[in-house]
Protein backbone atom coordinates (compact mmCIF):
# COMPACT_ATOMS: atom_id res chain seq x y z
CA UNK A 1 -4.52 11.86 18.97
CA UNK A 2 -6.57 9.70 21.26
CA UNK A 3 -4.21 7.44 23.26
CA UNK A 4 -5.53 3.92 23.61
CA UNK A 5 -3.85 1.46 26.05
CA UNK A 6 -3.68 -0.68 23.90
CA UNK A 7 27.06 -28.11 9.58
CA UNK A 8 29.51 -30.28 8.27
CA UNK A 9 31.83 -30.52 5.34
CA UNK A 10 32.11 -27.62 2.88
CA UNK A 11 32.79 -28.38 -0.77
CA UNK A 12 35.18 -26.13 -2.63
CA UNK A 13 33.18 -26.38 -5.85
CA UNK A 14 29.41 -26.19 -6.15
CA UNK A 15 27.41 -29.17 -7.36
CA UNK A 16 26.65 -28.99 -11.06
CA UNK A 17 24.54 -30.97 -13.43
CA UNK A 18 25.21 -31.22 -17.16
CA UNK A 19 22.56 -30.91 -19.86
CA UNK A 20 20.40 -28.01 -18.73
CA UNK A 21 20.17 -28.93 -15.06
CA UNK A 22 20.99 -26.36 -12.42
CA UNK A 23 23.74 -25.67 -9.96
CA UNK A 24 23.99 -24.15 -6.50
CA UNK A 25 26.58 -21.39 -6.43
CA UNK A 26 28.19 -20.90 -3.02
CA UNK A 27 28.98 -17.34 -2.01
CA UNK A 28 32.19 -16.92 -0.05
CA UNK A 29 30.45 -16.00 3.18
CA UNK A 30 27.19 -17.69 2.34
CA UNK A 31 25.68 -21.11 2.64
CA UNK A 32 27.71 -24.25 2.25
CA UNK A 33 26.39 -27.53 0.91
CA UNK A 34 25.46 -29.69 3.85
CA UNK A 35 24.04 -33.14 4.43
CA UNK A 36 23.84 -33.94 0.74
CA UNK A 37 26.67 -36.41 0.42
CA UNK A 38 26.40 -38.35 3.68
CA UNK A 39 27.47 -37.44 7.21
CA UNK A 40 27.19 -33.88 8.45
CA UNK A 41 23.85 -32.65 9.67
CA UNK A 42 22.01 -35.66 8.24
CA UNK A 43 24.11 -38.02 10.32
CA UNK A 44 23.58 -35.84 13.35
CA UNK A 45 19.83 -35.98 12.84
CA UNK A 46 19.93 -39.78 12.52
CA UNK A 47 21.93 -40.00 15.71
CA UNK A 48 19.50 -37.77 17.50
CA UNK A 49 16.60 -39.92 16.39
CA UNK A 50 18.39 -43.10 17.49
CA UNK A 51 18.92 -41.74 20.97
CA UNK A 52 15.40 -40.32 21.22
CA UNK A 53 16.61 -36.91 22.27
CA UNK A 54 14.13 -34.34 23.49
CA UNK A 55 12.41 -32.25 20.86
CA UNK A 56 14.68 -29.29 20.08
CA UNK A 57 13.30 -25.87 20.96
CA UNK A 58 14.48 -22.33 21.26
CA UNK A 59 16.26 -20.16 18.69
CA UNK A 60 17.76 -21.80 15.63
CA UNK A 61 21.51 -22.12 15.46
CA UNK A 62 23.46 -20.85 12.46
CA UNK A 63 24.19 -24.47 11.50
CA UNK A 64 20.50 -25.36 11.55
CA UNK A 65 19.66 -22.38 9.34
CA UNK A 66 22.40 -23.28 6.85
CA UNK A 67 21.38 -26.92 6.71
CA UNK A 68 17.67 -26.28 6.21
CA UNK A 69 18.26 -23.61 3.59
CA UNK A 70 20.75 -25.72 1.66
CA UNK A 71 18.50 -28.77 1.72
CA UNK A 72 15.68 -26.77 0.18
CA UNK A 73 17.71 -24.82 -2.38
CA UNK A 74 19.69 -27.79 -3.61
CA UNK A 75 16.61 -29.97 -4.05
CA UNK A 76 14.74 -27.21 -5.84
CA UNK A 77 17.59 -26.50 -8.22
CA UNK A 78 18.10 -30.15 -9.08
CA UNK A 79 14.43 -30.43 -10.01
CA UNK A 80 13.58 -32.63 -7.03
CA UNK A 81 10.34 -30.84 -6.31
CA UNK A 82 8.94 -33.31 -3.77
CA UNK A 83 12.16 -33.19 -1.77
CA UNK A 84 12.28 -29.39 -1.87
CA UNK A 85 8.64 -29.13 -0.84
CA UNK A 86 9.24 -31.53 2.06
CA UNK A 87 11.93 -29.14 3.30
CA UNK A 88 9.24 -26.51 3.92
CA UNK A 89 6.46 -26.21 6.47
CA UNK A 90 3.80 -26.35 3.73
CA UNK A 91 4.74 -29.15 1.30
CA UNK A 92 1.47 -28.97 -0.63
CA UNK A 93 1.62 -25.28 -1.49
CA UNK A 94 5.36 -25.43 -2.09
CA UNK A 95 5.07 -28.43 -4.38
CA UNK A 96 2.40 -26.80 -6.49
CA UNK A 97 4.30 -23.56 -7.01
CA UNK A 98 7.69 -25.20 -7.57
CA UNK A 99 6.17 -27.54 -10.15
CA UNK A 100 4.64 -24.57 -11.92
CA UNK A 101 8.01 -22.79 -11.90
CA UNK A 102 9.14 -25.19 -14.62
CA UNK A 103 5.92 -26.32 -16.27
CA UNK A 104 3.92 -23.09 -16.29
CA UNK A 105 6.55 -20.38 -16.08
CA UNK A 106 8.89 -22.25 -18.46
CA UNK A 107 12.00 -21.37 -16.46
CA UNK A 108 15.17 -23.39 -16.96
CA UNK A 109 18.95 -23.14 -16.41
CA UNK A 110 18.30 -21.82 -12.92
CA UNK A 111 21.25 -20.77 -10.78
CA UNK A 112 20.81 -19.73 -7.15
CA UNK A 113 23.49 -17.79 -5.30
CA UNK A 114 22.98 -17.69 -1.54
CA UNK A 115 24.04 -14.64 0.40
CA UNK A 116 25.00 -14.20 4.03
CA UNK A 117 22.30 -15.25 6.46
CA UNK A 118 20.95 -12.68 8.90
CA UNK A 119 19.65 -14.75 11.76
CA UNK A 120 17.09 -17.14 10.32
CA UNK A 121 16.70 -15.17 7.08
CA UNK A 122 18.76 -16.25 4.06
CA UNK A 123 18.89 -14.05 0.96
CA UNK A 124 19.66 -15.54 -2.42
CA UNK A 125 19.82 -14.35 -6.00
CA UNK A 126 18.27 -16.14 -8.95
CA UNK A 127 19.37 -16.30 -12.57
CA UNK A 128 17.33 -18.26 -15.08
CA UNK A 129 16.17 -18.39 -18.67
CA UNK A 130 12.56 -17.92 -19.68
CA UNK A 131 12.03 -20.19 -22.68
CA UNK A 132 8.75 -20.45 -24.59
CA UNK A 133 8.60 -22.08 -28.02
CA UNK A 134 11.29 -20.34 -30.06
CA UNK A 135 11.60 -17.36 -27.72
CA UNK A 136 13.88 -16.95 -24.71
CA UNK A 137 15.15 -14.21 -22.44
CA UNK A 138 17.25 -14.07 -19.26
CA UNK A 139 15.67 -13.43 -15.89
CA UNK A 140 17.46 -12.28 -12.75
CA UNK A 141 16.10 -11.26 -9.37
CA UNK A 142 16.73 -11.49 -5.65
CA UNK A 143 14.67 -13.34 -3.07
CA UNK A 144 14.99 -14.70 0.46
CA UNK A 145 13.76 -17.46 2.72
CA UNK A 146 13.33 -17.77 6.45
CA UNK A 147 13.95 -20.92 8.46
CA UNK A 148 11.61 -21.81 11.33
CA UNK A 149 11.44 -24.66 13.81
CA UNK A 150 8.53 -27.08 13.49
CA UNK A 151 6.76 -27.33 16.82
CA UNK A 152 5.98 -31.05 16.66
CA UNK A 153 9.55 -32.30 16.35
CA UNK A 154 11.76 -29.23 16.39
CA UNK A 155 12.94 -29.77 12.81
CA UNK A 156 14.20 -26.66 11.00
CA UNK A 157 12.15 -26.02 7.84
CA UNK A 158 11.74 -23.24 5.32
CA UNK A 159 8.81 -21.02 6.27
CA UNK A 160 6.82 -21.33 3.07
CA UNK A 161 5.39 -18.35 1.27
CA UNK A 162 5.06 -17.79 -2.47
CA UNK A 163 7.45 -14.83 -2.14
CA UNK A 164 10.29 -17.33 -1.61
CA UNK A 165 9.99 -18.23 -5.30
CA UNK A 166 9.68 -14.61 -6.42
CA UNK A 167 9.29 -11.48 -4.26
CA UNK A 168 6.38 -10.19 -6.35
CA UNK A 169 4.30 -13.27 -5.57
CA UNK A 170 1.68 -13.23 -2.85
CA UNK A 171 0.36 -16.50 -1.45
CA UNK A 172 -1.99 -18.02 -4.02
CA UNK A 173 -0.38 -16.24 -6.99
CA UNK A 174 1.36 -18.12 -9.80
CA UNK A 175 3.99 -17.53 -12.47
CA UNK A 176 2.92 -18.15 -16.06
CA UNK A 177 4.69 -17.72 -19.39
CA UNK A 178 2.65 -17.58 -22.59
CA UNK A 179 0.56 -15.30 -24.68
CA UNK A 180 -0.73 -12.67 -22.34
CA UNK A 181 -4.44 -12.75 -21.90
CA UNK A 182 -4.43 -8.97 -21.99
CA UNK A 183 -2.75 -6.95 -24.77
CA UNK A 184 -0.45 -4.11 -23.68
CA UNK A 185 -1.65 -0.54 -23.61
CA UNK A 186 0.06 2.74 -24.30
CA UNK A 187 -1.12 5.09 -21.59
CA UNK A 188 -1.22 8.79 -22.41
CA UNK A 189 -1.48 11.89 -20.25
CA UNK A 190 -4.23 14.42 -20.84
CA UNK A 191 -2.06 16.17 -23.46
CA UNK A 192 -1.28 12.99 -25.42
CA UNK A 193 2.21 12.38 -24.01
CA UNK A 194 3.30 8.82 -23.22
CA UNK A 195 3.20 7.73 -19.59
CA UNK A 196 6.12 5.42 -18.82
CA UNK A 197 7.86 4.28 -15.67
CA UNK A 198 11.11 5.64 -17.07
CA UNK A 199 9.64 9.13 -16.91
CA UNK A 200 7.28 8.63 -13.96
CA UNK A 201 8.77 5.87 -11.76
CA UNK A 202 5.85 5.42 -9.39
CA UNK A 203 3.22 4.85 -12.10
CA UNK A 204 4.02 1.14 -12.49
CA UNK A 205 1.00 -0.08 -10.56
CA UNK A 206 -1.23 2.44 -12.33
CA UNK A 207 -0.05 1.28 -15.76
CA UNK A 208 -0.61 -2.36 -14.73
CA UNK A 209 -4.14 -1.47 -13.69
CA UNK A 210 -4.85 0.37 -16.94
CA UNK A 211 -3.70 -2.63 -18.94
CA UNK A 212 -5.85 -5.02 -16.97
CA UNK A 213 -8.92 -2.81 -17.31
CA UNK A 214 -8.56 -1.62 -20.92
CA UNK A 215 -6.10 -3.97 -22.63
CA UNK A 216 -8.76 -6.09 -24.33
CA UNK A 217 -10.79 -3.13 -25.55
CA UNK A 218 -8.10 -0.60 -26.52
CA UNK A 219 -7.28 -2.22 -29.87
CA UNK A 220 -3.97 -3.92 -29.04
CA UNK A 221 -2.58 -7.39 -29.70
CA UNK A 222 -1.18 -9.64 -26.97
CA UNK A 223 2.51 -10.53 -26.78
CA UNK A 224 4.34 -13.40 -25.02
CA UNK A 225 5.52 -12.76 -21.48
CA UNK A 226 6.32 -14.15 -18.06
CA UNK A 227 3.85 -12.65 -15.65
CA UNK A 228 2.51 -12.90 -12.13
CA UNK A 229 -1.07 -14.13 -12.28
CA UNK A 230 -2.91 -13.06 -9.18
CA UNK A 231 -4.79 -15.52 -7.05
CA UNK A 232 -8.10 -15.06 -5.27
CA UNK A 233 -6.70 -13.28 -2.22
CA UNK A 234 -4.62 -10.87 -4.31
CA UNK A 235 -7.56 -10.02 -6.52
CA UNK A 236 -9.68 -9.40 -3.46
CA UNK A 237 -6.97 -6.93 -2.43
CA UNK A 238 -7.29 -5.38 -5.93
CA UNK A 239 -3.78 -6.29 -7.02
CA UNK A 240 -3.24 -6.48 -10.78
CA UNK A 241 -1.33 -9.12 -12.76
CA UNK A 242 2.26 -8.04 -13.33
CA UNK A 243 4.59 -8.57 -16.28
CA UNK A 244 8.10 -9.69 -15.28
CA UNK A 245 9.66 -10.39 -18.68
CA UNK A 246 8.31 -9.68 -22.17
CA UNK A 247 9.57 -12.27 -24.66
CA UNK A 248 7.80 -10.57 -27.53
CA UNK A 249 6.10 -7.23 -27.51
CA UNK A 250 2.46 -7.15 -28.42
CA UNK A 251 0.89 -4.27 -30.27
CA UNK A 252 -0.42 -1.83 -27.67
CA UNK A 253 -3.76 -0.14 -27.69
CA UNK A 254 -4.06 3.45 -26.50
CA UNK A 255 -5.69 4.75 -23.33
CA UNK A 256 -5.80 8.45 -22.52
CA UNK A 257 -5.83 9.45 -18.84
CA UNK A 258 -6.58 12.68 -16.99
CA UNK A 259 -3.04 13.04 -15.61
CA UNK A 260 -1.41 16.43 -16.07
CA UNK A 261 2.22 15.92 -17.13
CA UNK A 262 3.54 18.96 -15.27
CA UNK A 263 1.78 18.12 -12.02
CA UNK A 264 2.65 14.42 -12.33
CA UNK A 265 6.35 15.19 -12.76
CA UNK A 266 6.22 17.55 -9.78
CA UNK A 267 4.41 14.95 -7.66
CA UNK A 268 7.12 12.40 -8.47
CA UNK A 269 9.79 14.88 -7.36
CA UNK A 270 7.97 15.67 -4.14
CA UNK A 271 7.47 12.08 -2.97
CA UNK A 272 11.11 11.31 -3.78
CA UNK A 273 12.00 13.62 -0.87
CA UNK A 274 10.07 11.67 1.77
CA UNK A 275 10.25 7.93 2.44
CA UNK A 276 6.89 6.14 2.44
CA UNK A 277 5.06 9.19 1.08
CA UNK A 278 2.09 9.28 -1.29
CA UNK A 279 0.06 12.08 -2.84
CA UNK A 280 -2.96 12.66 -5.11
CA UNK A 281 -4.08 15.86 -6.86
CA UNK A 282 -7.66 16.32 -8.13
CA UNK A 283 -9.72 18.91 -9.98
CA UNK A 284 -12.67 19.58 -7.61
CA UNK A 285 -15.06 20.80 -10.31
CA UNK A 286 -14.87 17.52 -12.27
CA UNK A 287 -13.16 14.83 -10.15
CA UNK A 288 -10.34 14.41 -12.69
CA UNK A 289 -7.18 12.95 -11.16
CA UNK A 290 -4.32 15.21 -12.22
CA UNK A 291 -1.43 13.51 -10.41
CA UNK A 292 -0.68 10.44 -8.31
CA UNK A 293 2.69 9.44 -6.90
CA UNK A 294 4.14 7.08 -4.31
CA UNK A 295 7.64 6.96 -2.88
CA UNK A 296 7.41 3.17 -2.75
CA UNK A 297 6.76 1.63 -6.17
CA UNK A 298 5.48 -1.82 -5.21
CA UNK A 299 2.04 -0.83 -3.91
CA UNK A 300 -0.21 2.07 -4.82
CA UNK A 301 -0.87 3.49 -1.35
CA UNK A 302 -2.26 6.66 -2.92
CA UNK A 303 -5.20 4.77 -4.48
CA UNK A 304 -5.36 1.49 -2.57
CA UNK A 305 -4.01 2.25 0.88
CA UNK A 306 -6.21 1.62 3.91
CA UNK A 307 -4.90 3.79 6.74
CA UNK A 308 -6.40 5.68 9.65
CA UNK A 309 -6.56 9.31 8.39
CA UNK A 310 -6.18 10.94 11.79
CA UNK A 311 -7.41 14.48 12.21
CA UNK A 312 -8.05 15.08 8.49
CA UNK A 313 -11.26 13.15 9.22
CA UNK A 314 -12.35 16.09 11.36
CA UNK A 315 -13.49 17.73 8.09
CA UNK A 316 -16.19 15.06 7.75
CA UNK A 317 -16.94 15.20 11.49
CA UNK A 318 -17.31 18.99 11.33
CA UNK A 319 -19.63 18.70 8.35
CA UNK A 320 -21.88 16.49 10.45
CA UNK A 321 -21.73 18.82 13.48
CA UNK A 322 -22.51 21.91 11.38
CA UNK A 323 -25.41 20.18 9.61
CA UNK A 324 -26.88 19.07 12.94
CA UNK A 325 -26.53 22.63 14.29
CA UNK A 326 -24.51 21.32 17.21
CA UNK A 327 -21.84 23.97 16.81
CA UNK A 328 -20.72 26.90 14.64
CA UNK A 329 -17.19 28.15 13.97
CA UNK A 330 -17.62 31.11 16.34
CA UNK A 331 -19.26 29.14 19.13
CA UNK A 332 -17.45 29.00 22.44
CA UNK A 333 -16.28 25.43 22.75
CA UNK A 334 -13.43 24.61 25.14
CA UNK A 335 -11.16 21.68 24.41
CA UNK A 336 -10.36 19.86 27.68
CA UNK A 337 -6.99 18.23 28.24
CA UNK A 338 -8.67 14.84 28.76
CA UNK A 339 -12.10 13.43 28.06
CA UNK A 340 -13.57 10.15 29.31
CA UNK A 341 -15.88 8.12 27.10
CA UNK A 342 -17.11 4.58 27.71
CA UNK A 343 -14.27 3.84 30.11
CA UNK A 344 -11.53 5.30 27.87
CA UNK A 345 -9.58 8.47 28.53
CA UNK A 346 -8.75 10.50 25.43
CA UNK A 347 -5.86 12.96 25.35
CA UNK A 348 -4.92 15.81 23.05
CA UNK A 349 -1.59 15.96 21.30
CA UNK A 350 1.07 16.89 23.88
CA UNK A 351 -1.73 16.99 26.47
CA UNK A 352 -2.69 20.47 25.29
CA UNK A 353 -5.98 22.19 26.03
CA UNK A 354 -7.97 25.24 24.98
CA UNK A 355 -9.86 26.60 27.97
CA UNK A 356 -11.75 29.56 26.54
CA UNK A 357 -11.61 29.14 22.79
CA UNK A 358 -14.02 28.79 19.89
CA UNK A 359 -14.69 25.73 17.79
CA UNK A 360 -12.74 27.43 14.99
CA UNK A 361 -9.67 27.57 17.22
CA UNK A 362 -10.05 23.94 18.24
CA UNK A 363 -10.33 22.90 14.59
CA UNK A 364 -7.28 24.98 13.70
CA UNK A 365 -5.25 23.52 16.56
CA UNK A 366 -6.62 20.05 15.82
CA UNK A 367 -7.65 19.66 19.43
CA UNK A 368 -9.11 16.16 19.72
CA UNK A 369 -11.43 16.44 22.69
CA UNK A 370 -13.35 19.35 21.17
CA UNK A 371 -14.69 16.72 18.77
CA UNK A 372 -14.89 13.63 20.96
CA UNK A 373 -17.01 15.41 23.55
CA UNK A 374 -19.85 15.56 21.00
CA UNK A 375 -20.10 11.75 21.06
CA UNK A 376 -22.94 11.60 23.63
CA UNK A 377 -25.08 13.75 21.31
CA UNK A 378 -24.55 11.48 18.30
CA UNK A 379 -25.89 8.11 17.24
CA UNK A 380 -23.46 5.34 16.36
CA UNK A 381 -24.26 5.60 12.66
CA UNK A 382 -24.16 9.40 12.23
CA UNK A 383 -20.56 9.66 11.04
CA UNK A 384 -20.97 6.69 8.70
CA UNK A 385 -24.04 8.26 7.11
CA UNK A 386 -22.32 11.62 6.72
CA UNK A 387 -19.31 10.08 5.01
CA UNK A 388 -21.46 8.03 2.66
CA UNK A 389 -24.22 10.48 1.85
CA UNK A 390 -22.23 13.71 1.43
CA UNK A 391 -18.70 12.54 0.57
CA UNK A 392 -19.46 9.29 -1.29
CA UNK A 393 -17.08 7.33 0.95
CA UNK A 394 -17.26 3.74 2.10
CA UNK A 395 -19.75 2.41 -0.45
CA UNK A 396 -17.24 0.45 -2.55
CA UNK A 397 -18.67 1.83 -5.78
CA UNK A 398 -16.01 4.19 -7.15
CA UNK A 399 -14.96 3.38 -10.73
CA UNK A 400 -11.88 5.49 -11.33
CA UNK A 401 -10.43 3.35 -14.16
CA UNK A 402 -7.94 1.35 -12.08
CA UNK A 403 -8.25 -0.51 -8.75
CA UNK A 404 -8.94 1.74 -5.78
CA UNK A 405 -10.08 1.59 -2.15
CA UNK A 406 -12.99 3.91 -1.54
CA UNK A 407 -12.58 4.44 2.20
CA UNK A 408 -14.32 2.84 5.14
CA UNK A 409 -16.24 4.45 8.00
CA UNK A 410 -17.89 1.57 9.86
CA UNK A 411 -20.64 2.02 12.41
CA UNK A 412 -19.00 1.82 15.84
CA UNK A 413 -20.07 2.41 19.41
CA UNK A 414 -18.67 3.64 22.68
CA UNK A 415 -15.02 4.68 22.74
CA UNK A 416 -14.46 3.42 19.19
CA UNK A 417 -17.18 5.74 17.93
CA UNK A 418 -15.45 8.58 19.73
CA UNK A 419 -12.12 7.63 18.17
CA UNK A 420 -13.75 7.60 14.73
CA UNK A 421 -14.61 11.28 15.12
CA UNK A 422 -10.87 12.07 15.04
CA UNK A 423 -10.01 9.61 12.26
CA UNK A 424 -8.92 6.70 14.40
CA UNK A 425 -10.92 3.64 15.50
CA UNK A 426 -12.03 1.71 12.44
CA UNK A 427 -11.88 4.60 9.95
CA UNK A 428 -9.63 3.87 6.96
CA UNK A 429 -8.69 6.16 4.07
CA UNK A 430 -5.99 6.90 1.51
CA UNK A 431 -4.78 10.11 -0.20
CA UNK A 432 -7.32 9.66 -3.03
CA UNK A 433 -10.17 9.60 -0.52
CA UNK A 434 -8.94 12.57 1.48
CA UNK A 435 -8.18 14.63 -1.64
CA UNK A 436 -11.80 13.98 -2.62
CA UNK A 437 -12.94 15.22 0.79
CA UNK A 438 -11.08 18.51 0.31
CA UNK A 439 -12.38 18.71 -3.26
CA UNK A 440 -15.97 18.24 -2.06
CA UNK A 441 -15.59 21.11 0.40
CA UNK A 442 -14.15 23.35 -2.31
CA UNK A 443 -16.87 22.60 -4.88
CA UNK A 444 -19.72 21.91 -2.48
CA UNK A 445 -20.57 18.70 -4.36
CA UNK A 446 -19.00 15.25 -4.45
CA UNK A 447 -17.52 14.43 -7.87
CA UNK A 448 -16.21 10.88 -7.93
CA UNK A 449 -12.50 10.99 -8.83
CA UNK A 450 -11.52 9.33 -12.10
CA UNK A 451 -8.30 8.61 -13.99
CA UNK A 452 -9.93 7.62 -17.29
CA UNK A 453 -12.95 9.46 -18.61
CA UNK A 454 -16.18 7.44 -18.23
CA UNK A 455 -16.88 8.15 -21.89
CA UNK A 456 -14.10 5.70 -22.82
CA UNK A 457 -15.99 2.64 -21.55
CA UNK A 458 -19.40 4.09 -20.67
CA UNK A 459 -19.06 3.21 -17.00
CA UNK A 460 -21.20 4.93 -14.38
CA UNK A 461 -19.49 7.13 -11.80
CA UNK A 462 -20.59 7.04 -8.19
CA UNK A 463 -22.76 9.85 -6.86
CA UNK A 464 -23.45 11.11 -3.36
CA UNK A 465 -26.98 10.89 -2.00
CA UNK A 466 -27.04 14.60 -1.15
CA UNK A 467 -24.98 17.76 -1.11
CA UNK A 468 -24.05 19.90 1.85
CA UNK A 469 -25.88 23.19 2.28
CA UNK A 470 -24.25 26.44 1.25
CA UNK A 471 -24.14 27.42 4.93
CA UNK A 472 -22.29 24.24 5.89
CA UNK A 473 -19.86 24.69 3.01
CA UNK A 474 -19.18 28.26 4.11
CA UNK A 475 -18.53 27.11 7.67
CA UNK A 476 -16.13 24.39 6.52
CA UNK A 477 -14.20 26.79 4.32
CA UNK A 478 -14.04 29.19 7.27
CA UNK A 479 -12.37 26.71 9.63
CA UNK A 480 -10.11 25.25 6.93
CA UNK A 481 -8.92 28.75 5.91
CA UNK A 482 -8.24 29.56 9.57
CA UNK A 483 -6.20 26.35 9.87
CA UNK A 484 -4.21 27.24 6.76
CA UNK A 485 -3.50 30.78 7.99
CA UNK A 486 -3.12 30.39 11.75
CA UNK A 487 -3.40 26.73 12.69
CA UNK A 488 -1.41 23.54 12.28
CA UNK A 489 -1.27 23.95 8.48
CA UNK A 490 0.06 27.52 8.50
CA UNK A 491 3.75 26.68 8.05
CA UNK A 492 3.16 24.49 5.01
CA UNK A 493 0.59 26.84 3.44
CA UNK A 494 2.61 30.03 3.96
CA UNK A 495 2.61 32.21 0.85
CA UNK A 496 -0.53 30.64 -0.61
CA UNK A 497 -2.88 32.99 -2.45
CA UNK A 498 -6.47 32.84 -3.64
CA UNK A 499 -9.23 30.71 -2.17
CA UNK A 500 -7.62 27.98 -0.06
CA UNK A 501 -8.00 25.88 3.06
CA UNK A 502 -6.28 22.94 4.73
CA UNK A 503 -6.36 20.35 7.49
CA UNK A 504 -3.55 18.36 9.06
CA UNK A 505 -3.64 14.94 10.66
CA UNK A 506 -1.45 12.55 12.59
CA UNK A 507 -2.58 8.95 13.09
CA UNK A 508 -1.07 6.72 15.73
CA UNK A 509 -0.20 3.21 14.57
CA UNK A 510 0.71 0.37 16.92
CA UNK A 511 4.38 -0.50 16.70
CA UNK A 512 5.42 2.81 15.10
CA UNK A 513 7.57 5.31 16.95
CA UNK A 514 6.13 8.15 14.90
CA UNK A 515 2.56 8.61 13.66
CA UNK A 516 1.47 8.67 10.03
CA UNK A 517 1.40 12.28 8.92
CA UNK A 518 -1.57 13.48 6.81
CA UNK A 519 -2.38 16.72 5.01
CA UNK A 520 -5.30 17.64 2.78
CA UNK A 521 -6.00 21.01 1.22
CA UNK A 522 -7.54 22.88 -1.70
CA UNK A 523 -6.66 26.01 -3.63
CA UNK A 524 -9.02 27.20 -6.33
CA UNK A 525 -9.81 24.31 -8.65
CA UNK A 526 -7.11 22.05 -7.22
CA UNK A 527 -7.36 19.73 -4.23
CA UNK A 528 -4.70 17.40 -2.92
CA UNK A 529 -3.94 15.05 -0.07
CA UNK A 530 -0.85 13.22 1.05
CA UNK A 531 0.39 10.87 3.71
CA UNK A 532 3.88 10.09 5.02
CA UNK A 533 3.81 6.81 6.91
CA UNK A 534 5.72 6.81 10.20
CA UNK A 535 6.94 10.31 9.36
CA UNK A 536 5.52 12.40 12.18
CA UNK A 537 3.07 15.28 12.25
CA UNK A 538 1.27 15.95 8.99
CA UNK A 539 2.01 19.65 8.85
CA UNK A 540 5.74 18.93 8.83
CA UNK A 541 5.78 15.86 6.57
CA UNK A 542 2.91 15.59 4.10
CA UNK A 543 2.16 19.32 4.28
CA UNK A 544 5.11 20.56 2.20
CA UNK A 545 4.36 17.95 -0.49
CA UNK A 546 0.73 18.97 -0.86
CA UNK A 547 1.38 22.70 -0.60
CA UNK A 548 4.09 22.63 -3.25
CA UNK A 549 1.67 21.05 -5.73
CA UNK A 550 -1.18 23.44 -4.93
CA UNK A 551 1.09 26.42 -5.49
CA UNK A 552 1.56 25.28 -9.10
CA UNK A 553 -2.02 26.12 -10.06
CA UNK A 554 -5.52 26.52 -8.88
């Protein structure tokens, strides 16, 4: 990869309020009730003010954390919204959301149980009742808050974010209980089997997206539920509304997907083996998405992730180089240990070099500088055009049936343009995008991936402006087969049969000890890509996941 230098009296019983009000439960090693009954921290603060002490600074003490957290939690639980909001560093936003907690979300009988603070972070559990008209159900979840010191006067306050109220909330989101605006859907696999999170744990975000897209047109009837309603920022990030509690089940409509039940189950098993892993499997001849799985269930990295793809991007770069007749697989093309571009020095992985090799060997070894040294012969927009025109990437026009990120290859100059050639710089992808890249090589034509057939809602699928030539396709399959047999992908692809090819990638990320590991490959009429964040080299991490799925068919 290119290296870039880059306080007080504790009560033995918790306060309680009769008649539906709420109580603060004190865990044995948790937060006590401070400064609520006179004296304690409140008296200390008054004394400090009277003596005009200097503004406190530096790390918060344990007593300050306890006091600030207790002030906020107690006020919130007793329904004193203004007081609770004033205990945060954003009273306006806090007041709005805390008011809505009762009025819009219809939550009552709330009990908070603080846990043991870890520095300035205080975890707490929440139990409440969702009550709407004649319906009610219990709700329980865990959350946390962090105490910070206000710069102006040093006062400890709760660092306000919507996630304090509920961990599924992003800033700007709200909680609402009522008839859902969107009826539920029953999602089916390609064979008619039901898709549920009980059977496929990582499909939660996919099912949410299907409901949002097709709920109103699939023939269902809305139920009553407590749900997260996404705000402007969350919708811009393509996050879907989320149901937290269903008070009454609506009548679901039916939506059939392209998912293959056997491959989906296998994908779920594979990502369960690797933390922070994601994978997508496609059918190159059609673009049908056959499987999608994520180790983490809160965000669909496979479809919506935006990560530097590392050396898997060299497939797109090589397409451009072959089309421009700048190189062929057999051409002699050394890969120097270092290469200077626009004041930056690029290095190969482990400072390796290939002195007398071919371009095929450099591709197979994923030798960075064999690609970056073409930069002086390229215009700033060449890679962007190649990605858009041949691979359909970066145009924000994919319509797969649920929210997705379609990749980004911005026009860059100088060293950043050079870094883009090896999948760093400003290039961003996810497993869906890179599986599509491998699929396009296999079929020779870009077929926009889709999870729901366009015939269901008559939507238009994205198309590429042009196709690669048969010569370019042959050259790409040559270097990808070499990589699968003798290069960085050989270990993962061992034992593969038929028509296949692969490319590995490792993308450096600031603050991570290990790079994100990428792997994309095809075998017959299957293509797949995976990423393991902070896992290490792609051949060792994402490679076994992808290869195991390709060996199941193709």
